[in-house]
N, C-alpha and C. Protein backbone atom coordinates (compact mmCIF):
# COMPACT_ATOMS: atom_id res chain seq x y z
N MET A 1 125.19 -148.92 84.67
CA MET A 1 126.02 -147.58 84.19
C MET A 1 125.63 -146.93 85.16
N SER A 2 126.58 -145.96 85.87
CA SER A 2 126.24 -144.78 86.82
C SER A 2 125.81 -143.22 85.69
N SER A 3 124.79 -142.64 86.52
CA SER A 3 124.18 -141.44 85.62
C SER A 3 125.39 -140.71 85.23
N GLN A 4 126.61 -140.50 85.85
CA GLN A 4 127.55 -139.94 85.60
C GLN A 4 128.00 -140.55 84.05
N GLY A 5 128.25 -141.69 83.98
CA GLY A 5 128.70 -142.67 82.59
C GLY A 5 127.72 -142.52 81.48
N ARG A 6 126.43 -141.94 81.84
CA ARG A 6 125.48 -142.06 80.88
C ARG A 6 125.51 -140.33 80.53
N GLY A 7 125.86 -139.61 81.57
CA GLY A 7 126.30 -138.14 81.03
C GLY A 7 127.06 -137.88 80.45
N ARG A 8 128.10 -138.28 80.51
CA ARG A 8 129.53 -138.39 79.68
C ARG A 8 129.36 -139.14 78.24
N ARG A 9 128.53 -140.06 78.05
CA ARG A 9 127.99 -140.39 76.81
C ARG A 9 127.06 -139.78 75.84
N ARG A 10 125.91 -139.07 76.84
CA ARG A 10 125.17 -138.06 76.06
C ARG A 10 126.26 -136.84 75.48
N LEU A 11 126.82 -136.04 76.32
CA LEU A 11 127.80 -134.96 75.83
C LEU A 11 128.54 -135.67 74.50
N ALA A 12 129.28 -136.66 74.39
CA ALA A 12 130.05 -137.22 73.58
C ALA A 12 129.01 -137.31 72.38
N ALA A 13 128.10 -137.72 72.55
CA ALA A 13 126.93 -137.99 71.55
C ALA A 13 126.61 -136.71 70.91
N SER A 14 126.59 -135.92 71.56
CA SER A 14 125.91 -134.17 71.24
C SER A 14 127.24 -133.46 70.86
N GLY A 15 128.50 -133.92 70.88
CA GLY A 15 129.64 -133.22 70.24
C GLY A 15 130.22 -132.07 70.96
N ALA A 16 129.85 -131.95 72.26
CA ALA A 16 130.16 -131.61 72.90
C ALA A 16 131.93 -131.00 73.42
N GLN A 17 132.41 -129.81 73.30
CA GLN A 17 133.52 -129.53 72.86
C GLN A 17 134.44 -129.33 74.57
N ARG A 18 135.51 -129.76 74.73
CA ARG A 18 136.01 -129.14 75.72
C ARG A 18 136.65 -128.33 75.73
N LEU A 19 136.14 -127.80 77.14
CA LEU A 19 136.77 -125.81 77.43
C LEU A 19 137.87 -126.04 78.12
N THR A 20 138.50 -124.94 78.40
CA THR A 20 139.69 -125.14 78.83
C THR A 20 139.50 -123.75 80.17
N GLN A 21 139.93 -124.18 81.28
CA GLN A 21 139.91 -123.24 82.53
C GLN A 21 141.67 -123.26 83.01
N TYR A 22 141.57 -122.35 83.43
CA TYR A 22 143.14 -122.07 84.06
C TYR A 22 143.21 -122.22 85.79
N ALA A 23 144.24 -122.87 86.12
CA ALA A 23 144.41 -122.76 87.78
C ALA A 23 145.37 -122.50 88.01
N ALA A 24 145.47 -122.07 89.47
CA ALA A 24 147.09 -121.84 90.37
C ALA A 24 147.11 -122.86 91.26
N LEU A 25 148.47 -123.53 91.14
CA LEU A 25 148.92 -124.26 92.39
C LEU A 25 149.56 -123.75 93.33
N ALA A 26 148.91 -123.08 94.44
CA ALA A 26 149.49 -122.14 95.26
C ALA A 26 150.13 -122.80 96.20
N TRP A 27 151.57 -122.76 96.26
CA TRP A 27 152.41 -123.26 97.39
C TRP A 27 153.36 -122.27 98.19
N ARG A 28 153.94 -122.77 98.82
CA ARG A 28 154.86 -121.92 100.06
C ARG A 28 155.99 -122.83 100.40
N ARG A 29 156.82 -122.67 101.22
CA ARG A 29 157.67 -123.36 101.65
C ARG A 29 158.06 -122.49 103.37
N PRO A 30 157.37 -122.93 103.92
CA PRO A 30 157.70 -122.54 105.27
C PRO A 30 158.82 -122.30 106.29
N GLY A 31 159.63 -121.46 106.34
CA GLY A 31 160.83 -121.90 106.96
C GLY A 31 161.40 -122.76 106.09
N GLY A 32 161.91 -122.39 105.07
CA GLY A 32 162.40 -123.18 104.16
C GLY A 32 162.18 -124.78 104.17
N GLY A 33 161.27 -125.20 104.93
CA GLY A 33 161.07 -126.93 104.82
C GLY A 33 160.25 -127.25 103.74
N ALA A 34 159.39 -127.94 103.96
CA ALA A 34 159.07 -129.11 102.70
C ALA A 34 157.78 -127.87 102.17
N VAL A 35 157.44 -128.20 100.97
CA VAL A 35 156.33 -127.47 100.14
C VAL A 35 155.32 -127.87 100.74
N GLU A 36 154.54 -126.75 100.84
CA GLU A 36 152.74 -126.97 101.40
C GLU A 36 152.06 -126.14 100.38
N ILE A 37 150.67 -126.89 99.93
CA ILE A 37 150.09 -126.48 98.99
C ILE A 37 148.51 -125.99 99.47
N LEU A 38 148.21 -125.18 99.06
CA LEU A 38 146.55 -124.23 99.23
C LEU A 38 145.68 -124.72 98.47
N LEU A 39 144.69 -125.73 99.51
CA LEU A 39 143.15 -126.11 98.72
C LEU A 39 142.35 -125.18 99.22
N ILE A 40 141.36 -125.19 98.44
CA ILE A 40 139.87 -124.39 98.98
C ILE A 40 138.91 -125.23 98.70
N THR A 41 138.17 -125.05 99.02
CA THR A 41 136.53 -125.65 98.92
C THR A 41 135.94 -125.17 97.95
N SER A 42 135.07 -125.83 97.21
CA SER A 42 134.46 -125.44 95.91
C SER A 42 133.15 -124.92 96.40
N ARG A 43 132.45 -124.21 95.95
CA ARG A 43 131.32 -123.23 96.63
C ARG A 43 129.99 -124.08 96.83
N GLU A 44 129.74 -125.10 95.70
CA GLU A 44 128.49 -125.90 95.91
C GLU A 44 129.22 -127.08 96.55
N THR A 45 129.75 -128.01 96.30
CA THR A 45 129.83 -128.91 96.89
C THR A 45 130.66 -129.52 97.91
N ARG A 46 131.70 -128.55 98.28
CA ARG A 46 132.39 -128.34 99.10
C ARG A 46 133.59 -129.22 99.36
N ARG A 47 134.11 -129.34 97.92
CA ARG A 47 134.94 -130.52 97.68
C ARG A 47 136.20 -129.88 98.15
N TRP A 48 137.46 -130.24 97.77
CA TRP A 48 138.78 -129.97 98.35
C TRP A 48 139.19 -129.60 96.67
N VAL A 49 139.59 -128.38 96.26
CA VAL A 49 140.13 -128.07 95.12
C VAL A 49 141.17 -126.96 95.07
N ILE A 50 141.50 -126.95 93.94
CA ILE A 50 142.69 -125.45 93.79
C ILE A 50 141.97 -124.26 93.02
N PRO A 51 142.40 -123.26 93.26
CA PRO A 51 141.58 -122.06 92.48
C PRO A 51 141.68 -122.02 91.17
N LYS A 52 140.55 -122.01 90.30
CA LYS A 52 140.23 -122.06 88.94
C LYS A 52 139.34 -121.45 88.42
N GLY A 53 139.54 -120.95 86.96
CA GLY A 53 138.25 -120.27 86.35
C GLY A 53 138.85 -120.44 84.96
N TRP A 54 137.40 -119.27 84.42
CA TRP A 54 137.77 -119.24 82.48
C TRP A 54 138.64 -118.20 82.25
N PRO A 55 139.03 -118.32 81.07
CA PRO A 55 140.09 -117.50 80.72
C PRO A 55 139.40 -115.71 80.69
N ILE A 56 140.45 -114.94 81.05
CA ILE A 56 139.76 -113.41 81.42
C ILE A 56 140.35 -112.81 80.06
N LYS A 57 139.91 -111.98 79.53
CA LYS A 57 140.15 -111.19 78.23
C LYS A 57 141.01 -110.45 78.71
N GLY A 58 142.38 -110.05 77.94
CA GLY A 58 143.58 -109.03 78.22
C GLY A 58 144.10 -110.22 79.23
N LEU A 59 144.44 -111.07 79.60
CA LEU A 59 145.42 -111.86 80.49
C LEU A 59 145.90 -113.12 79.70
N LYS A 60 146.89 -113.14 80.18
CA LYS A 60 147.46 -114.31 79.34
C LYS A 60 146.84 -115.68 80.85
N PRO A 61 147.29 -117.08 80.25
CA PRO A 61 146.91 -117.96 81.65
C PRO A 61 147.25 -118.07 82.73
N HIS A 62 148.76 -117.65 83.07
CA HIS A 62 148.96 -117.93 84.24
C HIS A 62 148.48 -116.42 85.11
N GLN A 63 148.43 -115.27 84.03
CA GLN A 63 147.78 -114.04 85.06
C GLN A 63 146.60 -114.00 85.62
N ALA A 64 145.65 -115.20 84.57
CA ALA A 64 144.06 -115.54 85.04
C ALA A 64 144.37 -116.39 86.33
N ALA A 65 145.14 -117.51 86.45
CA ALA A 65 145.31 -118.39 87.17
C ALA A 65 145.60 -117.48 88.15
N ALA A 66 146.30 -116.49 88.51
CA ALA A 66 146.79 -115.80 89.72
C ALA A 66 145.59 -114.78 90.37
N ARG A 67 144.81 -114.72 89.34
CA ARG A 67 143.96 -113.87 89.55
C ARG A 67 142.78 -114.55 90.57
N GLU A 68 142.33 -115.84 89.71
CA GLU A 68 141.52 -116.78 90.50
C GLU A 68 142.25 -116.82 92.03
N ALA A 69 143.09 -117.05 92.17
CA ALA A 69 143.95 -117.39 93.49
C ALA A 69 143.69 -116.43 94.40
N TRP A 70 143.66 -115.14 93.98
CA TRP A 70 143.09 -113.68 94.74
C TRP A 70 141.73 -114.07 95.08
N GLU A 71 140.85 -114.11 93.96
CA GLU A 71 139.48 -114.12 93.96
C GLU A 71 139.16 -115.29 95.20
N GLU A 72 139.48 -116.74 94.93
CA GLU A 72 138.99 -117.60 95.48
C GLU A 72 139.56 -117.74 96.72
N ALA A 73 140.85 -117.69 96.83
CA ALA A 73 141.69 -118.10 97.96
C ALA A 73 142.31 -117.13 98.79
N GLY A 74 142.56 -115.80 98.53
CA GLY A 74 142.90 -114.68 99.18
C GLY A 74 144.63 -114.78 99.21
N VAL A 75 145.25 -115.03 98.25
CA VAL A 75 146.70 -115.18 98.25
C VAL A 75 147.30 -114.27 96.99
N GLU A 76 148.37 -114.11 96.79
CA GLU A 76 149.42 -113.09 95.55
C GLU A 76 150.28 -114.18 95.72
N GLY A 77 151.17 -113.81 94.76
CA GLY A 77 152.55 -114.06 94.68
C GLY A 77 153.15 -114.20 93.29
N ARG A 78 153.98 -115.24 92.96
CA ARG A 78 154.72 -114.77 91.77
C ARG A 78 153.92 -116.03 90.94
N ALA A 79 153.80 -116.06 89.92
CA ALA A 79 152.93 -116.88 89.21
C ALA A 79 154.08 -117.49 87.87
N GLY A 80 153.96 -118.54 88.21
CA GLY A 80 155.21 -119.21 86.74
C GLY A 80 154.37 -119.19 85.48
N ALA A 81 155.01 -119.00 84.20
CA ALA A 81 154.50 -118.40 82.97
C ALA A 81 154.31 -119.88 82.12
N ARG A 82 154.83 -120.72 82.81
CA ARG A 82 154.97 -122.17 81.90
C ARG A 82 153.95 -123.04 82.82
N LYS A 83 153.14 -123.84 82.16
CA LYS A 83 152.11 -124.74 82.86
C LYS A 83 152.76 -125.75 83.57
N ILE A 84 152.58 -126.43 84.54
CA ILE A 84 153.33 -127.49 85.31
C ILE A 84 152.32 -128.90 84.72
N GLY A 85 151.35 -128.77 83.85
CA GLY A 85 150.39 -130.18 83.72
C GLY A 85 148.82 -129.52 83.65
N SER A 86 148.39 -130.86 83.63
CA SER A 86 146.47 -130.10 83.08
C SER A 86 145.87 -131.68 83.39
N PHE A 87 144.58 -131.39 83.74
CA PHE A 87 143.92 -132.64 84.29
C PHE A 87 142.42 -132.08 83.80
N ASP A 88 141.84 -133.09 83.41
CA ASP A 88 140.46 -133.43 82.85
C ASP A 88 139.28 -133.29 83.89
N TYR A 89 138.14 -132.75 83.69
CA TYR A 89 136.85 -133.16 84.92
C TYR A 89 135.68 -133.00 83.79
N ASP A 90 134.75 -133.01 84.46
CA ASP A 90 133.33 -132.90 84.14
C ASP A 90 132.40 -131.69 85.13
N LYS A 91 132.69 -130.54 84.57
CA LYS A 91 131.87 -129.61 85.21
C LYS A 91 130.26 -129.97 85.18
N ARG A 92 129.39 -130.17 86.21
CA ARG A 92 128.16 -130.05 86.45
C ARG A 92 127.59 -128.99 85.77
N LEU A 93 126.60 -128.58 85.07
CA LEU A 93 126.27 -127.38 84.65
C LEU A 93 124.63 -127.49 85.47
N SER A 94 124.15 -125.95 85.36
CA SER A 94 122.78 -125.74 85.94
C SER A 94 121.88 -126.93 85.81
N GLY A 95 121.92 -127.18 84.74
CA GLY A 95 120.89 -128.33 83.99
C GLY A 95 120.99 -129.55 84.30
N GLY A 96 122.19 -129.97 85.04
CA GLY A 96 122.21 -131.15 85.13
C GLY A 96 123.15 -131.79 84.34
N GLN A 97 123.56 -130.98 83.05
CA GLN A 97 124.21 -131.91 81.97
C GLN A 97 126.09 -131.67 82.57
N LEU A 98 126.58 -132.74 82.04
CA LEU A 98 127.93 -132.39 82.17
C LEU A 98 128.61 -131.92 80.90
N GLN A 99 129.84 -130.89 81.25
CA GLN A 99 130.67 -130.22 80.46
C GLN A 99 131.95 -130.76 80.35
N PRO A 100 132.81 -131.23 79.64
CA PRO A 100 134.11 -131.77 79.53
C PRO A 100 135.04 -130.37 79.50
N VAL A 101 135.72 -130.54 80.89
CA VAL A 101 136.68 -129.33 81.05
C VAL A 101 138.10 -129.75 80.99
N ARG A 102 139.61 -129.23 80.40
CA ARG A 102 140.28 -129.45 80.53
C ARG A 102 141.02 -128.36 81.58
N VAL A 103 141.66 -128.62 82.32
CA VAL A 103 142.52 -127.54 83.43
C VAL A 103 144.18 -127.34 83.41
N GLU A 104 144.37 -126.22 83.03
CA GLU A 104 145.70 -126.24 82.76
C GLU A 104 146.28 -125.25 84.00
N VAL A 105 147.30 -125.93 84.58
CA VAL A 105 147.75 -125.69 86.28
C VAL A 105 149.06 -124.94 85.80
N TYR A 106 149.00 -123.71 86.54
CA TYR A 106 150.10 -122.98 86.36
C TYR A 106 150.67 -122.76 88.02
N PRO A 107 151.78 -122.91 88.28
CA PRO A 107 152.17 -122.87 89.70
C PRO A 107 152.08 -121.18 90.23
N LEU A 108 151.94 -120.88 91.46
CA LEU A 108 152.08 -119.77 92.07
C LEU A 108 152.53 -119.72 93.26
N GLN A 109 153.88 -119.23 93.45
CA GLN A 109 154.51 -119.27 94.92
C GLN A 109 154.11 -118.06 95.66
N VAL A 110 153.34 -118.48 96.92
CA VAL A 110 152.64 -117.45 97.34
C VAL A 110 153.17 -116.78 98.45
N LEU A 111 153.52 -115.06 98.48
CA LEU A 111 154.25 -114.53 99.05
C LEU A 111 153.32 -113.47 99.84
N GLN A 112 152.01 -113.66 99.67
CA GLN A 112 150.95 -112.66 100.72
C GLN A 112 149.77 -113.96 101.06
N GLU A 113 149.32 -113.71 102.06
CA GLU A 113 147.78 -114.32 102.52
C GLU A 113 147.04 -113.11 103.21
N HIS A 114 146.09 -113.14 102.63
CA HIS A 114 145.08 -112.11 103.27
C HIS A 114 143.91 -112.71 103.80
N ASP A 115 143.35 -111.97 105.00
CA ASP A 115 142.32 -112.59 105.87
C ASP A 115 141.21 -111.95 105.19
N ASP A 116 141.22 -111.34 104.42
CA ASP A 116 139.81 -110.98 103.88
C ASP A 116 140.14 -110.90 102.23
N TRP A 117 139.35 -111.22 101.10
CA TRP A 117 139.03 -111.50 100.17
C TRP A 117 137.97 -111.84 99.65
N PRO A 118 137.65 -111.31 98.19
CA PRO A 118 136.66 -111.40 97.74
C PRO A 118 135.45 -112.63 97.90
N GLU A 119 135.91 -113.87 97.86
CA GLU A 119 135.14 -115.39 98.26
C GLU A 119 135.30 -115.46 99.43
N ALA A 120 135.60 -114.86 100.61
CA ALA A 120 136.18 -115.35 101.90
C ALA A 120 135.31 -116.07 102.72
N HIS A 121 133.60 -115.34 102.45
CA HIS A 121 132.74 -116.26 103.00
C HIS A 121 132.10 -117.21 102.55
N GLN A 122 132.74 -117.70 101.26
CA GLN A 122 132.30 -118.50 100.41
C GLN A 122 132.75 -119.95 100.38
N ARG A 123 134.21 -119.93 100.85
CA ARG A 123 135.21 -120.95 100.80
C ARG A 123 135.97 -121.25 102.22
N GLU A 124 136.36 -122.22 102.36
CA GLU A 124 137.51 -122.70 103.31
C GLU A 124 138.85 -122.83 102.49
N ARG A 125 139.81 -122.85 103.42
CA ARG A 125 141.45 -122.95 102.69
C ARG A 125 141.96 -123.60 103.56
N ARG A 126 143.03 -124.34 103.06
CA ARG A 126 143.61 -125.23 104.04
C ARG A 126 145.14 -125.70 103.55
N TRP A 127 145.92 -125.44 103.97
CA TRP A 127 147.78 -125.58 103.56
C TRP A 127 148.12 -127.09 103.89
N ALA A 128 148.19 -127.98 103.12
CA ALA A 128 148.41 -129.39 103.03
C ALA A 128 149.93 -129.77 102.49
N SER A 129 150.43 -130.61 102.89
CA SER A 129 151.47 -131.33 102.53
C SER A 129 151.20 -132.14 100.87
N ALA A 130 152.03 -132.03 99.98
CA ALA A 130 151.97 -132.54 98.57
C ALA A 130 150.78 -133.43 98.62
N ALA A 131 151.48 -135.03 99.45
CA ALA A 131 151.02 -135.96 99.74
C ALA A 131 149.47 -135.84 100.13
N GLU A 132 149.31 -135.31 101.01
CA GLU A 132 148.10 -135.00 101.63
C GLU A 132 146.96 -134.41 100.67
N ALA A 133 147.52 -132.66 100.05
CA ALA A 133 146.55 -132.66 98.93
C ALA A 133 146.15 -133.51 97.94
N GLY A 134 147.03 -134.67 97.50
CA GLY A 134 146.83 -134.93 96.40
C GLY A 134 145.80 -136.25 96.82
N SER A 135 145.78 -136.57 98.26
CA SER A 135 144.60 -137.59 98.55
C SER A 135 143.45 -137.01 99.12
N LEU A 136 143.31 -135.19 99.00
CA LEU A 136 141.94 -134.90 99.43
C LEU A 136 141.17 -134.61 98.28
N VAL A 137 141.82 -134.27 97.31
CA VAL A 137 141.02 -133.84 95.93
C VAL A 137 140.49 -135.09 95.56
N ASP A 138 139.15 -135.00 94.58
CA ASP A 138 138.89 -135.89 93.85
C ASP A 138 138.95 -136.20 92.65
N GLU A 139 139.46 -135.30 91.92
CA GLU A 139 140.31 -135.59 90.37
C GLU A 139 141.39 -136.28 90.13
N PRO A 140 141.66 -137.69 89.96
CA PRO A 140 142.64 -138.33 89.92
C PRO A 140 143.70 -137.42 89.26
N GLY A 141 143.75 -137.01 88.06
CA GLY A 141 144.78 -136.08 87.21
C GLY A 141 145.07 -134.90 88.36
N LEU A 142 144.18 -134.67 89.17
CA LEU A 142 144.45 -133.10 89.97
C LEU A 142 145.46 -133.87 91.08
N GLY A 143 145.14 -134.98 91.56
CA GLY A 143 145.76 -135.75 92.70
C GLY A 143 147.31 -135.67 92.16
N GLN A 144 147.40 -136.82 90.98
CA GLN A 144 148.69 -136.92 90.56
C GLN A 144 149.48 -135.32 90.29
N LEU A 145 149.11 -134.54 89.88
CA LEU A 145 149.90 -133.09 89.80
C LEU A 145 150.16 -132.87 91.29
N LEU A 146 149.35 -132.84 92.39
CA LEU A 146 149.84 -131.83 93.42
C LEU A 146 150.65 -133.21 94.12
N ARG A 147 150.79 -134.52 93.92
CA ARG A 147 151.60 -135.32 94.70
C ARG A 147 152.99 -135.38 94.22
N ALA A 148 152.82 -134.85 92.91
CA ALA A 148 154.22 -134.92 91.83
C ALA A 148 155.35 -133.39 92.04
N PHE A 149 154.09 -132.38 92.81
CA PHE A 149 154.70 -131.26 92.65
C PHE A 149 155.93 -131.05 93.47
N PRO A 150 156.37 -131.17 94.85
CA PRO A 150 157.35 -131.15 95.31
C PRO A 150 158.71 -131.59 94.38
N GLY A 151 158.68 -132.50 93.45
CA GLY A 151 159.87 -133.03 92.74
C GLY A 151 160.33 -132.02 91.82
N ARG A 152 159.35 -130.94 91.54
CA ARG A 152 159.68 -130.04 90.27
C ARG A 152 160.58 -128.76 90.95
N ASP A 153 160.70 -128.26 89.96
CA ASP A 153 161.79 -127.19 90.50
C ASP A 153 160.91 -125.75 90.47
N ALA A 154 160.44 -125.43 91.79
CA ALA A 154 159.42 -124.59 92.14
C ALA A 154 159.90 -123.27 91.78
């Protein structure tokens, strides 16, 4: 069994609760063409992900997702108040333990992209088609959401 499988079993045995994060699926439709989705690299593993973070006191989930999009990707826009889906992943904590997390995803139509933003020196960003974005991320549930996005009424 992989160490990741053993870690999941340890968490299940310890009764670890699934925590919730909020994410922004930042998108644009340049020149009225096909939808493009913004991916960013994670700070530590440099994997392709979407901006996400923990709940922020005083902000609704879609507002927290929009704040994460600004801080992590340097984009601002119109955030949809209804989530478009969710996915689960295991966040590796500093001690190596895995924490189960559910990520609720909210659409964010990008209206402004900045050259400088809070985490600009810690992350890369990349625009991709929905199909390409879905193939670049590691989490299967996130990949499905990204590939399905153009069919939604964004």
